[in-house]
Amino acid sequence: MYFAMFKIVFRQVIVEPLALLSRISLGIIFLTAGISKIYDLQSFYINVLNYNIIKGEIAYVFSMTLPFIEVILGIYLIFGIYKKITNSISLFLLLLFIYAISYAIITKQPVSGCGCFGALVREKISVWDIVRDVFFVLMNILSLTFDRIQMKKVRERFKKPEFSYRLNE
């Protein structure tokens, strides 16, 4: 009995606020990353080419659309719009970033910086970029799990009662 109470209190006092904070923090991170890339799209395009994963027109389209997608994701994460889809897309992007950074490190690509935050950060690419993104993935998973719990609660709370009435009988 005490364990069940502890579990409920732990979830409501620790896990749910932490998941909410994770979602909002990820939103701020994506918003900042997107805006900083929009500031200098040409440099971001060159950085994408330096990874040597995608080339030509695909790299151009990717580098010109990704920052705007990140801004939209950031706004949606901050305000909790389409939480499940938004969290899933951001999780996919984070895994894509981890792959790209890992590939660049393993194959020793001529990438000057990860390009994660555009012109804001110009540090050399390192394993710490992967560690940071793995931490973001864990935050995303926490948020994704929490949002499922929340949506279930909201649906239960606002179920329409079934009314039964007879007209003119």
N, C-alpha and C. Protein backbone atom coordinates (compact mmCIF):
# COMPACT_ATOMS: atom_id res chain seq x y z
N MET A 1 0.82 -1.19 0.00
CA MET A 1 0.00 0.00 0.00
C MET A 1 0.86 1.25 0.00
N TYR A 2 1.90 1.27 0.85
CA TYR A 2 2.76 2.44 0.91
C TYR A 2 3.56 2.60 -0.38
N PHE A 3 3.94 1.47 -0.97
CA PHE A 3 4.69 1.53 -2.21
C PHE A 3 3.85 2.13 -3.33
N ALA A 4 2.58 1.74 -3.40
CA ALA A 4 1.68 2.27 -4.43
C ALA A 4 1.49 3.77 -4.25
N MET A 5 1.34 4.21 -2.99
CA MET A 5 1.22 5.64 -2.72
C MET A 5 2.49 6.38 -3.10
N PHE A 6 3.63 5.80 -2.73
CA PHE A 6 4.92 6.41 -3.06
C PHE A 6 5.08 6.54 -4.57
N LYS A 7 4.67 5.49 -5.29
CA LYS A 7 4.79 5.48 -6.75
C LYS A 7 3.96 6.61 -7.37
N ILE A 8 2.75 6.79 -6.88
CA ILE A 8 1.87 7.84 -7.40
C ILE A 8 2.43 9.22 -7.08
N VAL A 9 2.86 9.41 -5.85
CA VAL A 9 3.42 10.70 -5.45
C VAL A 9 4.71 10.99 -6.21
N PHE A 10 5.56 9.99 -6.37
CA PHE A 10 6.81 10.16 -7.10
C PHE A 10 6.54 10.60 -8.54
N ARG A 11 5.56 9.95 -9.17
CA ARG A 11 5.24 10.30 -10.55
C ARG A 11 4.68 11.71 -10.64
N GLN A 12 3.79 12.08 -9.72
CA GLN A 12 3.16 13.39 -9.80
C GLN A 12 4.07 14.52 -9.36
N VAL A 13 4.95 14.26 -8.41
CA VAL A 13 5.80 15.32 -7.86
C VAL A 13 7.14 15.43 -8.59
N ILE A 14 7.69 14.31 -9.06
CA ILE A 14 9.03 14.33 -9.66
C ILE A 14 8.97 14.12 -11.18
N VAL A 15 8.39 13.01 -11.61
CA VAL A 15 8.49 12.60 -13.01
C VAL A 15 7.71 13.54 -13.94
N GLU A 16 6.46 13.83 -13.62
CA GLU A 16 5.65 14.67 -14.51
C GLU A 16 6.20 16.09 -14.65
N PRO A 17 6.58 16.77 -13.56
CA PRO A 17 7.19 18.10 -13.74
C PRO A 17 8.53 18.03 -14.48
N LEU A 18 9.31 16.99 -14.24
CA LEU A 18 10.59 16.83 -14.93
C LEU A 18 10.38 16.61 -16.43
N ALA A 19 9.37 15.83 -16.78
CA ALA A 19 9.06 15.60 -18.19
C ALA A 19 8.57 16.88 -18.86
N LEU A 20 7.77 17.65 -18.15
CA LEU A 20 7.32 18.94 -18.68
C LEU A 20 8.50 19.88 -18.90
N LEU A 21 9.38 19.94 -17.92
CA LEU A 21 10.59 20.75 -18.03
C LEU A 21 11.47 20.27 -19.19
N SER A 22 11.56 18.97 -19.38
CA SER A 22 12.33 18.40 -20.49
C SER A 22 11.77 18.84 -21.83
N ARG A 23 10.44 18.78 -21.96
CA ARG A 23 9.81 19.16 -23.23
C ARG A 23 10.04 20.64 -23.53
N ILE A 24 9.87 21.49 -22.54
CA ILE A 24 10.06 22.92 -22.74
C ILE A 24 11.53 23.23 -23.02
N SER A 25 12.44 22.57 -22.30
CA SER A 25 13.87 22.77 -22.54
C SER A 25 14.27 22.35 -23.95
N LEU A 26 13.77 21.20 -24.39
CA LEU A 26 14.05 20.76 -25.75
C LEU A 26 13.49 21.76 -26.76
N GLY A 27 12.33 22.30 -26.47
CA GLY A 27 11.75 23.31 -27.35
C GLY A 27 12.64 24.54 -27.47
N ILE A 28 13.18 24.99 -26.35
CA ILE A 28 14.08 26.15 -26.35
C ILE A 28 15.36 25.82 -27.11
N ILE A 29 15.87 24.60 -26.93
CA ILE A 29 17.08 24.17 -27.62
C ILE A 29 16.86 24.15 -29.13
N PHE A 30 15.75 23.53 -29.59
CA PHE A 30 15.47 23.48 -31.02
C PHE A 30 15.22 24.87 -31.59
N LEU A 31 14.52 25.71 -30.85
CA LEU A 31 14.26 27.07 -31.31
C LEU A 31 15.57 27.85 -31.46
N THR A 32 16.44 27.76 -30.46
CA THR A 32 17.73 28.44 -30.51
C THR A 32 18.59 27.92 -31.66
N ALA A 33 18.64 26.60 -31.81
CA ALA A 33 19.44 25.99 -32.88
C ALA A 33 18.93 26.43 -34.25
N GLY A 34 17.62 26.41 -34.43
CA GLY A 34 17.05 26.79 -35.72
C GLY A 34 17.29 28.25 -36.06
N ILE A 35 17.07 29.12 -35.09
CA ILE A 35 17.27 30.56 -35.33
C ILE A 35 18.74 30.86 -35.63
N SER A 36 19.65 30.22 -34.89
CA SER A 36 21.08 30.48 -35.13
C SER A 36 21.52 29.98 -36.51
N LYS A 37 20.88 28.91 -37.02
CA LYS A 37 21.21 28.43 -38.37
C LYS A 37 20.60 29.33 -39.43
N ILE A 38 19.41 29.85 -39.17
CA ILE A 38 18.77 30.75 -40.13
C ILE A 38 19.59 32.02 -40.29
N TYR A 39 20.23 32.43 -39.23
CA TYR A 39 21.07 33.62 -39.25
C TYR A 39 22.15 33.53 -40.32
N ASP A 40 22.70 32.34 -40.56
CA ASP A 40 23.76 32.15 -41.56
C ASP A 40 23.54 30.82 -42.30
N LEU A 41 22.56 30.81 -43.19
CA LEU A 41 22.21 29.59 -43.91
C LEU A 41 23.33 29.08 -44.80
N GLN A 42 24.10 30.00 -45.39
CA GLN A 42 25.18 29.59 -46.29
C GLN A 42 26.25 28.80 -45.54
N SER A 43 26.63 29.26 -44.35
CA SER A 43 27.62 28.52 -43.55
C SER A 43 27.09 27.15 -43.14
N PHE A 44 25.80 27.10 -42.81
CA PHE A 44 25.21 25.82 -42.44
C PHE A 44 25.22 24.87 -43.63
N TYR A 45 24.95 25.37 -44.82
CA TYR A 45 24.99 24.55 -46.03
C TYR A 45 26.39 23.98 -46.24
N ILE A 46 27.39 24.80 -46.09
CA ILE A 46 28.79 24.34 -46.24
C ILE A 46 29.12 23.28 -45.19
N ASN A 47 28.64 23.50 -43.97
CA ASN A 47 28.87 22.54 -42.89
C ASN A 47 28.21 21.19 -43.22
N VAL A 48 26.99 21.22 -43.76
CA VAL A 48 26.30 19.98 -44.15
C VAL A 48 27.10 19.26 -45.22
N LEU A 49 27.63 20.00 -46.19
CA LEU A 49 28.45 19.39 -47.25
C LEU A 49 29.71 18.75 -46.68
N ASN A 50 30.30 19.38 -45.65
CA ASN A 50 31.55 18.86 -45.06
C ASN A 50 31.36 17.52 -44.36
N TYR A 51 30.14 17.18 -43.98
CA TYR A 51 29.89 15.87 -43.36
C TYR A 51 30.05 14.74 -44.37
N ASN A 52 29.89 15.05 -45.66
CA ASN A 52 30.01 14.07 -46.75
C ASN A 52 29.03 12.90 -46.61
N ILE A 53 27.85 13.20 -46.10
CA ILE A 53 26.81 12.17 -46.01
C ILE A 53 25.82 12.37 -47.15
N ILE A 54 25.40 13.61 -47.35
CA ILE A 54 24.52 13.95 -48.48
C ILE A 54 25.21 15.01 -49.31
N LYS A 55 24.90 15.03 -50.60
CA LYS A 55 25.59 15.95 -51.50
C LYS A 55 24.59 16.64 -52.43
N GLY A 56 25.08 17.67 -53.10
CA GLY A 56 24.33 18.34 -54.16
C GLY A 56 23.05 18.98 -53.72
N GLU A 57 22.02 18.78 -54.53
CA GLU A 57 20.73 19.43 -54.29
C GLU A 57 20.07 18.93 -53.00
N ILE A 58 20.27 17.67 -52.69
CA ILE A 58 19.69 17.13 -51.46
C ILE A 58 20.28 17.84 -50.25
N ALA A 59 21.58 18.07 -50.25
CA ALA A 59 22.23 18.79 -49.15
C ALA A 59 21.72 20.22 -49.08
N TYR A 60 21.52 20.82 -50.25
CA TYR A 60 21.03 22.20 -50.28
C TYR A 60 19.62 22.29 -49.70
N VAL A 61 18.74 21.42 -50.16
CA VAL A 61 17.35 21.41 -49.67
C VAL A 61 17.33 21.11 -48.17
N PHE A 62 18.12 20.13 -47.75
CA PHE A 62 18.19 19.76 -46.33
C PHE A 62 18.64 20.95 -45.49
N SER A 63 19.73 21.61 -45.92
CA SER A 63 20.28 22.71 -45.11
C SER A 63 19.41 23.95 -45.14
N MET A 64 18.59 24.11 -46.14
CA MET A 64 17.71 25.28 -46.21
C MET A 64 16.37 25.05 -45.50
N THR A 65 15.98 23.79 -45.31
CA THR A 65 14.70 23.52 -44.64
C THR A 65 14.85 23.13 -43.17
N LEU A 66 15.95 22.46 -42.82
CA LEU A 66 16.12 21.99 -41.44
C LEU A 66 16.00 23.10 -40.40
N PRO A 67 16.63 24.26 -40.58
CA PRO A 67 16.50 25.31 -39.56
C PRO A 67 15.06 25.75 -39.32
N PHE A 68 14.27 25.83 -40.38
CA PHE A 68 12.88 26.23 -40.23
C PHE A 68 12.05 25.14 -39.55
N ILE A 69 12.37 23.89 -39.86
CA ILE A 69 11.72 22.77 -39.18
C ILE A 69 12.05 22.80 -37.69
N GLU A 70 13.32 23.09 -37.36
CA GLU A 70 13.72 23.17 -35.95
C GLU A 70 13.00 24.29 -35.22
N VAL A 71 12.80 25.42 -35.88
CA VAL A 71 12.08 26.53 -35.25
C VAL A 71 10.64 26.13 -34.98
N ILE A 72 9.99 25.52 -35.96
CA ILE A 72 8.60 25.07 -35.78
C ILE A 72 8.52 24.02 -34.67
N LEU A 73 9.44 23.05 -34.69
CA LEU A 73 9.46 22.03 -33.62
C LEU A 73 9.65 22.68 -32.25
N GLY A 74 10.56 23.64 -32.18
CA GLY A 74 10.80 24.33 -30.91
C GLY A 74 9.55 24.99 -30.38
N ILE A 75 8.86 25.71 -31.25
CA ILE A 75 7.62 26.39 -30.84
C ILE A 75 6.57 25.37 -30.40
N TYR A 76 6.43 24.31 -31.19
CA TYR A 76 5.44 23.28 -30.86
C TYR A 76 5.78 22.58 -29.54
N LEU A 77 7.07 22.32 -29.30
CA LEU A 77 7.46 21.68 -28.04
C LEU A 77 7.21 22.61 -26.85
N ILE A 78 7.55 23.86 -27.00
CA ILE A 78 7.36 24.81 -25.89
C ILE A 78 5.89 24.92 -25.51
N PHE A 79 5.03 25.02 -26.51
CA PHE A 79 3.61 25.22 -26.24
C PHE A 79 2.79 23.93 -26.18
N GLY A 80 3.45 22.78 -26.40
CA GLY A 80 2.77 21.50 -26.27
C GLY A 80 1.77 21.22 -27.38
N ILE A 81 2.07 21.68 -28.59
CA ILE A 81 1.18 21.48 -29.74
C ILE A 81 1.55 20.15 -30.40
N TYR A 82 0.55 19.30 -30.64
CA TYR A 82 0.78 17.98 -31.25
C TYR A 82 1.97 17.29 -30.58
N LYS A 83 1.87 17.12 -29.28
CA LYS A 83 3.01 16.65 -28.49
C LYS A 83 3.61 15.32 -28.96
N LYS A 84 2.77 14.35 -29.24
CA LYS A 84 3.29 13.03 -29.60
C LYS A 84 4.05 13.08 -30.93
N ILE A 85 3.47 13.73 -31.92
CA ILE A 85 4.10 13.83 -33.24
C ILE A 85 5.36 14.69 -33.15
N THR A 86 5.26 15.82 -32.46
CA THR A 86 6.39 16.73 -32.34
C THR A 86 7.56 16.06 -31.62
N ASN A 87 7.27 15.36 -30.53
CA ASN A 87 8.33 14.64 -29.81
C ASN A 87 8.93 13.55 -30.68
N SER A 88 8.11 12.87 -31.45
CA SER A 88 8.62 11.80 -32.32
C SER A 88 9.53 12.35 -33.41
N ILE A 89 9.13 13.45 -34.03
CA ILE A 89 9.97 14.07 -35.07
C ILE A 89 11.27 14.57 -34.47
N SER A 90 11.20 15.22 -33.31
CA SER A 90 12.43 15.73 -32.69
C SER A 90 13.34 14.57 -32.26
N LEU A 91 12.75 13.47 -31.82
CA LEU A 91 13.55 12.29 -31.47
C LEU A 91 14.27 11.75 -32.72
N PHE A 92 13.55 11.67 -33.83
CA PHE A 92 14.16 11.23 -35.08
C PHE A 92 15.32 12.15 -35.48
N LEU A 93 15.11 13.45 -35.38
CA LEU A 93 16.18 14.40 -35.73
C LEU A 93 17.39 14.24 -34.82
N LEU A 94 17.16 14.06 -33.53
CA LEU A 94 18.28 13.89 -32.60
C LEU A 94 19.08 12.63 -32.93
N LEU A 95 18.38 11.55 -33.27
CA LEU A 95 19.08 10.32 -33.65
C LEU A 95 19.85 10.52 -34.96
N LEU A 96 19.27 11.29 -35.87
CA LEU A 96 19.96 11.62 -37.12
C LEU A 96 21.23 12.43 -36.85
N PHE A 97 21.14 13.38 -35.92
CA PHE A 97 22.30 14.19 -35.56
C PHE A 97 23.40 13.33 -34.92
N ILE A 98 22.99 12.41 -34.06
CA ILE A 98 23.97 11.51 -33.42
C ILE A 98 24.67 10.68 -34.49
N TYR A 99 23.91 10.18 -35.45
CA TYR A 99 24.51 9.40 -36.54
C TYR A 99 25.51 10.25 -37.32
N ALA A 100 25.11 11.46 -37.69
CA ALA A 100 25.98 12.33 -38.50
C ALA A 100 27.27 12.68 -37.76
N ILE A 101 27.15 13.02 -36.49
CA ILE A 101 28.34 13.38 -35.70
C ILE A 101 29.24 12.16 -35.53
N SER A 102 28.65 11.00 -35.25
CA SER A 102 29.44 9.77 -35.11
C SER A 102 30.16 9.44 -36.41
N TYR A 103 29.46 9.55 -37.51
CA TYR A 103 30.06 9.29 -38.82
C TYR A 103 31.24 10.23 -39.08
N ALA A 104 31.04 11.51 -38.78
CA ALA A 104 32.10 12.50 -39.01
C ALA A 104 33.33 12.22 -38.15
N ILE A 105 33.11 11.80 -36.91
CA ILE A 105 34.24 11.51 -36.02
C ILE A 105 34.97 10.24 -36.46
N ILE A 106 34.22 9.20 -36.76
CA ILE A 106 34.82 7.91 -37.13
C ILE A 106 35.59 8.01 -38.45
N THR A 107 35.00 8.70 -39.43
CA THR A 107 35.65 8.78 -40.75
C THR A 107 36.55 10.00 -40.89
N LYS A 108 36.68 10.77 -39.81
CA LYS A 108 37.56 11.96 -39.79
C LYS A 108 37.23 12.93 -40.92
N GLN A 109 35.95 13.28 -41.00
CA GLN A 109 35.51 14.23 -42.02
C GLN A 109 36.01 15.64 -41.68
N PRO A 110 36.18 16.51 -42.68
CA PRO A 110 36.70 17.86 -42.43
C PRO A 110 35.62 18.83 -41.93
N VAL A 111 34.95 18.45 -40.86
CA VAL A 111 33.89 19.28 -40.30
C VAL A 111 34.51 20.20 -39.25
N SER A 112 34.34 21.52 -39.46
CA SER A 112 34.96 22.47 -38.53
C SER A 112 34.24 22.48 -37.18
N GLY A 113 32.95 22.33 -37.18
CA GLY A 113 32.15 22.26 -35.96
C GLY A 113 30.91 21.46 -36.28
N CYS A 114 30.18 21.04 -35.28
CA CYS A 114 29.03 20.18 -35.57
C CYS A 114 27.94 20.93 -36.33
N GLY A 115 27.88 22.25 -36.19
CA GLY A 115 26.85 23.02 -36.87
C GLY A 115 25.53 22.98 -36.14
N CYS A 116 25.52 22.40 -34.97
CA CYS A 116 24.29 22.22 -34.21
C CYS A 116 23.61 23.55 -33.86
N PHE A 117 24.41 24.53 -33.52
CA PHE A 117 23.87 25.82 -33.14
C PHE A 117 24.37 26.92 -34.06
N GLY A 118 24.61 26.57 -35.31
CA GLY A 118 24.98 27.53 -36.33
C GLY A 118 26.16 28.39 -35.95
N ALA A 119 25.96 29.70 -36.02
CA ALA A 119 27.04 30.66 -35.76
C ALA A 119 27.30 30.86 -34.26
N LEU A 120 26.44 30.34 -33.40
CA LEU A 120 26.62 30.54 -31.96
C LEU A 120 27.80 29.77 -31.40
N VAL A 121 28.01 28.54 -31.89
CA VAL A 121 29.07 27.68 -31.36
C VAL A 121 29.96 27.25 -32.51
N ARG A 122 31.24 27.52 -32.41
CA ARG A 122 32.19 27.16 -33.48
C ARG A 122 33.29 26.23 -32.95
N GLU A 123 32.96 25.37 -32.02
CA GLU A 123 33.95 24.46 -31.47
C GLU A 123 34.15 23.26 -32.40
N LYS A 124 35.32 22.66 -32.27
CA LYS A 124 35.63 21.46 -33.06
C LYS A 124 34.69 20.33 -32.62
N ILE A 125 34.32 19.50 -33.57
CA ILE A 125 33.42 18.38 -33.29
C ILE A 125 34.12 17.37 -32.37
N SER A 126 33.36 16.81 -31.41
CA SER A 126 33.95 15.87 -30.47
C SER A 126 32.91 14.87 -29.98
N VAL A 127 33.38 13.94 -29.19
CA VAL A 127 32.50 12.92 -28.59
C VAL A 127 31.48 13.59 -27.66
N TRP A 128 31.84 14.73 -27.09
CA TRP A 128 30.93 15.41 -26.18
C TRP A 128 29.66 15.87 -26.89
N ASP A 129 29.74 16.12 -28.20
CA ASP A 129 28.54 16.45 -28.97
C ASP A 129 27.58 15.27 -28.99
N ILE A 130 28.13 14.06 -29.09
CA ILE A 130 27.31 12.85 -29.06
C ILE A 130 26.69 12.66 -27.68
N VAL A 131 27.50 12.86 -26.64
CA VAL A 131 27.00 12.72 -25.26
C VAL A 131 25.87 13.71 -25.01
N ARG A 132 26.05 14.94 -25.46
CA ARG A 132 25.01 15.97 -25.30
C ARG A 132 23.72 15.54 -26.00
N ASP A 133 23.84 15.04 -27.23
CA ASP A 133 22.66 14.64 -27.98
C ASP A 133 21.99 13.40 -27.38
N VAL A 134 22.78 12.49 -26.82
CA VAL A 134 22.19 11.33 -26.13
C VAL A 134 21.39 11.81 -24.92
N PHE A 135 21.91 12.80 -24.20
CA PHE A 135 21.16 13.38 -23.08
C PHE A 135 19.85 14.00 -23.57
N PHE A 136 19.90 14.69 -24.72
CA PHE A 136 18.68 15.26 -25.31
C PHE A 136 17.69 14.15 -25.70
N VAL A 137 18.20 13.02 -26.19
CA VAL A 137 17.34 11.89 -26.53
C VAL A 137 16.64 11.37 -25.27
N LEU A 138 17.38 11.26 -24.18
CA LEU A 138 16.78 10.80 -22.91
C LEU A 138 15.70 11.77 -22.44
N MET A 139 15.97 13.07 -22.58
CA MET A 139 14.96 14.07 -22.22
C MET A 139 13.73 13.91 -23.11
N ASN A 140 13.95 13.66 -24.38
CA ASN A 140 12.85 13.49 -25.32
C ASN A 140 12.01 12.26 -24.99
N ILE A 141 12.67 11.16 -24.66
CA ILE A 141 11.95 9.93 -24.30
C ILE A 141 11.13 10.15 -23.04
N LEU A 142 11.70 10.84 -22.06
CA LEU A 142 10.96 11.16 -20.84
C LEU A 142 9.72 11.99 -21.17
N SER A 143 9.90 12.98 -22.01
CA SER A 143 8.78 13.83 -22.41
C SER A 143 7.74 13.06 -23.20
N LEU A 144 8.20 12.21 -24.10
CA LEU A 144 7.28 11.42 -24.91
C LEU A 144 6.46 10.47 -24.03
N THR A 145 7.09 9.86 -23.07
CA THR A 145 6.40 8.95 -22.15
C THR A 145 5.41 9.72 -21.28
N PHE A 146 5.82 10.86 -20.78
CA PHE A 146 4.96 11.69 -19.94
C PHE A 146 3.74 12.17 -20.71
N ASP A 147 3.95 12.60 -21.92
CA ASP A 147 2.83 13.11 -22.71
C ASP A 147 1.79 12.05 -22.97
N ARG A 148 2.20 10.80 -23.12
CA ARG A 148 1.23 9.72 -23.29
C ARG A 148 0.39 9.57 -22.03
N ILE A 149 1.02 9.66 -20.89
CA ILE A 149 0.29 9.57 -19.62
C ILE A 149 -0.70 10.72 -19.51
N GLN A 150 -0.24 11.92 -19.83
CA GLN A 150 -1.09 13.09 -19.75
C GLN A 150 -2.28 13.00 -20.67
N MET A 151 -2.07 12.59 -21.94
CA MET A 151 -3.16 12.51 -22.88
C MET A 151 -4.21 11.51 -22.42
N LYS A 152 -3.77 10.42 -21.81
CA LYS A 152 -4.70 9.43 -21.29
C LYS A 152 -5.55 10.05 -20.19
N LYS A 153 -4.91 10.82 -19.30
CA LYS A 153 -5.63 11.49 -18.23
C LYS A 153 -6.64 12.49 -18.78
N VAL A 154 -6.23 13.24 -19.78
CA VAL A 154 -7.11 14.26 -20.35
C VAL A 154 -8.31 13.60 -21.00
N ARG A 155 -8.11 12.52 -21.74
CA ARG A 155 -9.22 11.82 -22.37
C ARG A 155 -10.20 11.29 -21.33
N GLU A 156 -9.68 10.73 -20.24
CA GLU A 156 -10.55 10.20 -19.20
C GLU A 156 -11.33 11.32 -18.52
N ARG A 157 -10.69 12.45 -18.33
CA ARG A 157 -11.31 13.57 -17.63
C ARG A 157 -12.43 14.19 -18.43
N PHE A 158 -12.29 14.22 -19.75
CA PHE A 158 -13.25 14.92 -20.59
C PHE A 158 -14.10 14.00 -21.46
N LYS A 159 -14.28 12.77 -21.01
CA LYS A 159 -15.17 11.87 -21.75
C LYS A 159 -16.58 12.43 -21.69
N LYS A 160 -17.21 12.40 -22.84
CA LYS A 160 -18.58 12.91 -22.89
C LYS A 160 -19.52 11.88 -22.26
N PRO A 161 -20.35 12.34 -21.35
CA PRO A 161 -21.33 11.40 -20.79
C PRO A 161 -22.38 11.07 -21.84
N GLU A 162 -22.80 9.84 -21.81
CA GLU A 162 -23.82 9.43 -22.76
C GLU A 162 -25.18 9.76 -22.17
N PHE A 163 -25.92 10.56 -22.89
CA PHE A 163 -27.25 10.96 -22.45
C PHE A 163 -28.29 10.14 -23.18
N SER A 164 -29.26 9.75 -22.45
CA SER A 164 -30.35 9.00 -23.03
C SER A 164 -31.64 9.79 -22.78
N TYR A 165 -32.28 10.17 -23.83
CA TYR A 165 -33.52 10.91 -23.66
C TYR A 165 -34.49 10.52 -24.77
N ARG A 166 -35.75 10.75 -24.48
CA ARG A 166 -36.79 10.39 -25.44
C ARG A 166 -37.47 11.68 -25.88
N LEU A 167 -37.71 11.77 -27.18
CA LEU A 167 -38.40 12.94 -27.70
C LEU A 167 -39.87 12.63 -27.93
N ASN A 168 -40.69 13.50 -27.41
CA ASN A 168 -42.15 13.45 -27.64
C ASN A 168 -42.74 12.05 -27.47
N GLU A 169 -42.53 11.46 -26.37
CA GLU A 169 -43.15 10.15 -26.13
C GLU A 169 -44.18 10.26 -25.07
